[in-house]
């Protein structure tokens, strides 16, 4: 797993850290089938170790159907909460109905407290 402080490393996965009973994974940039693998690895590893995984989505600029599919699969493995999704992700979740399945929060702190 990635440790805090890895945000300066290029890629779609930023800081990852333990928070209360869970693990926070920060993602950034465009997430599609060509860029998704590192995030999938980080989230899957976290789901295997923690009862709660929070995806900090505040710096994600784009997510496609492969990203949505990953979140829905992870939702079945652990308590997944998506924090701070931007306008594009909120639209994706609303149009597909994923907003009725996934737990969405305004911030990482809200996701951890939910």
Protein backbone atom coordinates (compact mmCIF):
# COMPACT_ATOMS: atom_id res chain seq x y z
CA UNK A 1 0.00 0.00 0.00
CA UNK A 2 0.97 3.55 -0.53
CA UNK A 3 1.96 5.63 2.48
CA UNK A 4 1.21 9.25 3.32
CA UNK A 5 3.59 11.59 1.56
CA UNK A 6 3.43 9.84 -1.81
CA UNK A 7 1.42 12.70 -3.31
CA UNK A 8 4.51 13.98 -5.15
CA UNK A 9 4.73 10.69 -7.05
CA UNK A 10 3.19 10.94 -10.53
CA UNK A 11 0.10 8.88 -11.28
CA UNK A 12 -3.55 8.64 -10.40
CA UNK A 13 -3.05 7.59 -6.77
CA UNK A 14 -2.06 10.27 -4.28
CA UNK A 15 -1.82 10.07 -0.50
CA UNK A 16 -3.13 6.96 1.20
CA UNK A 17 -3.42 6.78 4.96
CA UNK A 18 -5.11 5.13 7.90
CA UNK A 19 -7.96 7.11 9.45
CA UNK A 20 -9.94 5.67 12.35
CA UNK A 21 -11.22 2.23 11.39
CA UNK A 22 -10.54 2.81 7.72
CA UNK A 23 -8.11 3.64 4.96
CA UNK A 24 -8.26 6.74 2.76
CA UNK A 25 -7.12 6.58 -0.85
CA UNK A 26 -6.79 9.86 -2.71
CA UNK A 27 -7.11 9.73 -6.48
CA UNK A 28 -6.49 12.38 -9.08
CA UNK A 29 -6.73 13.10 -12.76
CA UNK A 30 -8.55 11.16 -15.44
CA UNK A 31 -9.64 7.63 -14.58
CA UNK A 32 -10.42 5.34 -17.48
CA UNK A 33 -9.48 1.84 -18.57
CA UNK A 34 -5.97 3.00 -19.50
CA UNK A 35 -5.15 4.69 -16.19
CA UNK A 36 -7.25 2.81 -13.65
CA UNK A 37 -4.95 -0.10 -12.66
CA UNK A 38 -2.95 1.67 -9.89
CA UNK A 39 -6.15 2.90 -8.24
CA UNK A 40 -7.74 -0.52 -8.53
CA UNK A 41 -4.68 -2.06 -6.85
CA UNK A 42 -4.74 0.50 -4.01
CA UNK A 43 -8.48 0.17 -3.36
CA UNK A 44 -8.50 -3.63 -3.57
CA UNK A 45 -5.56 -3.91 -1.16
CA UNK A 46 -7.28 -1.53 1.26
CA UNK A 47 -10.57 -3.45 1.02
CA UNK A 48 -8.72 -6.61 2.01
CA UNK A 49 -7.36 -5.01 5.17
CA UNK A 50 -9.91 -2.44 6.37
CA UNK A 51 -13.65 -2.54 7.07
CA UNK A 52 -13.99 0.99 5.65
CA UNK A 53 -12.34 2.48 2.57
CA UNK A 54 -12.78 6.14 1.67
CA UNK A 55 -11.97 7.29 -1.85
CA UNK A 56 -10.97 10.96 -1.77
CA UNK A 57 -12.31 11.94 -5.20
CA UNK A 58 -11.77 15.69 -4.88
CA UNK A 59 -8.97 15.78 -7.47
CA UNK A 60 -10.52 13.39 -10.00
CA UNK A 61 -11.25 15.33 -13.19
CA UNK A 62 -12.88 12.50 -15.18
CA UNK A 63 -14.19 9.01 -14.57
CA UNK A 64 -15.63 6.65 -17.17
CA UNK A 65 -17.63 3.43 -17.01
CA UNK A 66 -14.59 1.35 -16.06
CA UNK A 67 -14.03 3.63 -13.05
CA UNK A 68 -17.71 3.34 -12.10
CA UNK A 69 -17.52 -0.45 -12.47
CA UNK A 70 -14.52 -0.52 -10.11
CA UNK A 71 -16.41 1.45 -7.47
CA UNK A 72 -19.46 -0.80 -7.71
CA UNK A 73 -17.29 -3.93 -7.38
CA UNK A 74 -15.45 -2.44 -4.37
CA UNK A 75 -18.79 -1.55 -2.81
CA UNK A 76 -19.42 -5.30 -2.47
CA UNK A 77 -16.02 -5.98 -0.83
CA UNK A 78 -15.99 -3.31 1.87
CA UNK A 79 -17.81 -0.27 3.18
CA UNK A 80 -16.77 2.11 0.40
CA UNK A 81 -17.43 5.81 0.72
CA UNK A 82 -16.70 8.32 -2.03
CA UNK A 83 -15.69 11.72 -0.66
CA UNK A 84 -15.81 15.10 -2.41
CA UNK A 85 -16.80 13.99 -5.91
CA UNK A 86 -16.66 16.85 -8.40
CA UNK A 87 -19.35 17.89 -10.84
CA UNK A 88 -18.42 15.36 -13.56
CA UNK A 89 -18.46 12.43 -11.11
CA UNK A 90 -21.70 13.55 -9.48
CA UNK A 91 -23.27 13.70 -12.94
CA UNK A 92 -21.93 10.21 -13.77
CA UNK A 93 -23.32 8.82 -10.52
CA UNK A 94 -26.70 10.50 -11.01
CA UNK A 95 -27.18 9.52 -14.67
CA UNK A 96 -26.31 5.88 -13.96
CA UNK A 97 -28.20 5.66 -10.67
CA UNK A 98 -24.98 4.82 -8.84
CA UNK A 99 -25.74 7.65 -6.42
CA UNK A 100 -28.46 5.41 -4.95
CA UNK A 101 -25.95 2.58 -4.38
CA UNK A 102 -22.69 4.28 -3.46
CA UNK A 103 -22.19 6.25 -0.27
CA UNK A 104 -21.27 9.81 -1.28
CA UNK A 105 -19.97 12.45 1.14
CA UNK A 106 -19.03 16.11 0.81
CA UNK A 107 -15.60 15.58 2.41
CA UNK A 108 -13.25 12.91 3.70
CA UNK A 109 -14.12 13.94 7.24
CA UNK A 110 -17.85 13.50 6.55
CA UNK A 111 -17.19 10.10 4.97
CA UNK A 112 -15.24 8.93 8.01
CA UNK A 113 -17.98 10.10 10.37
CA UNK A 114 -20.92 8.67 8.37
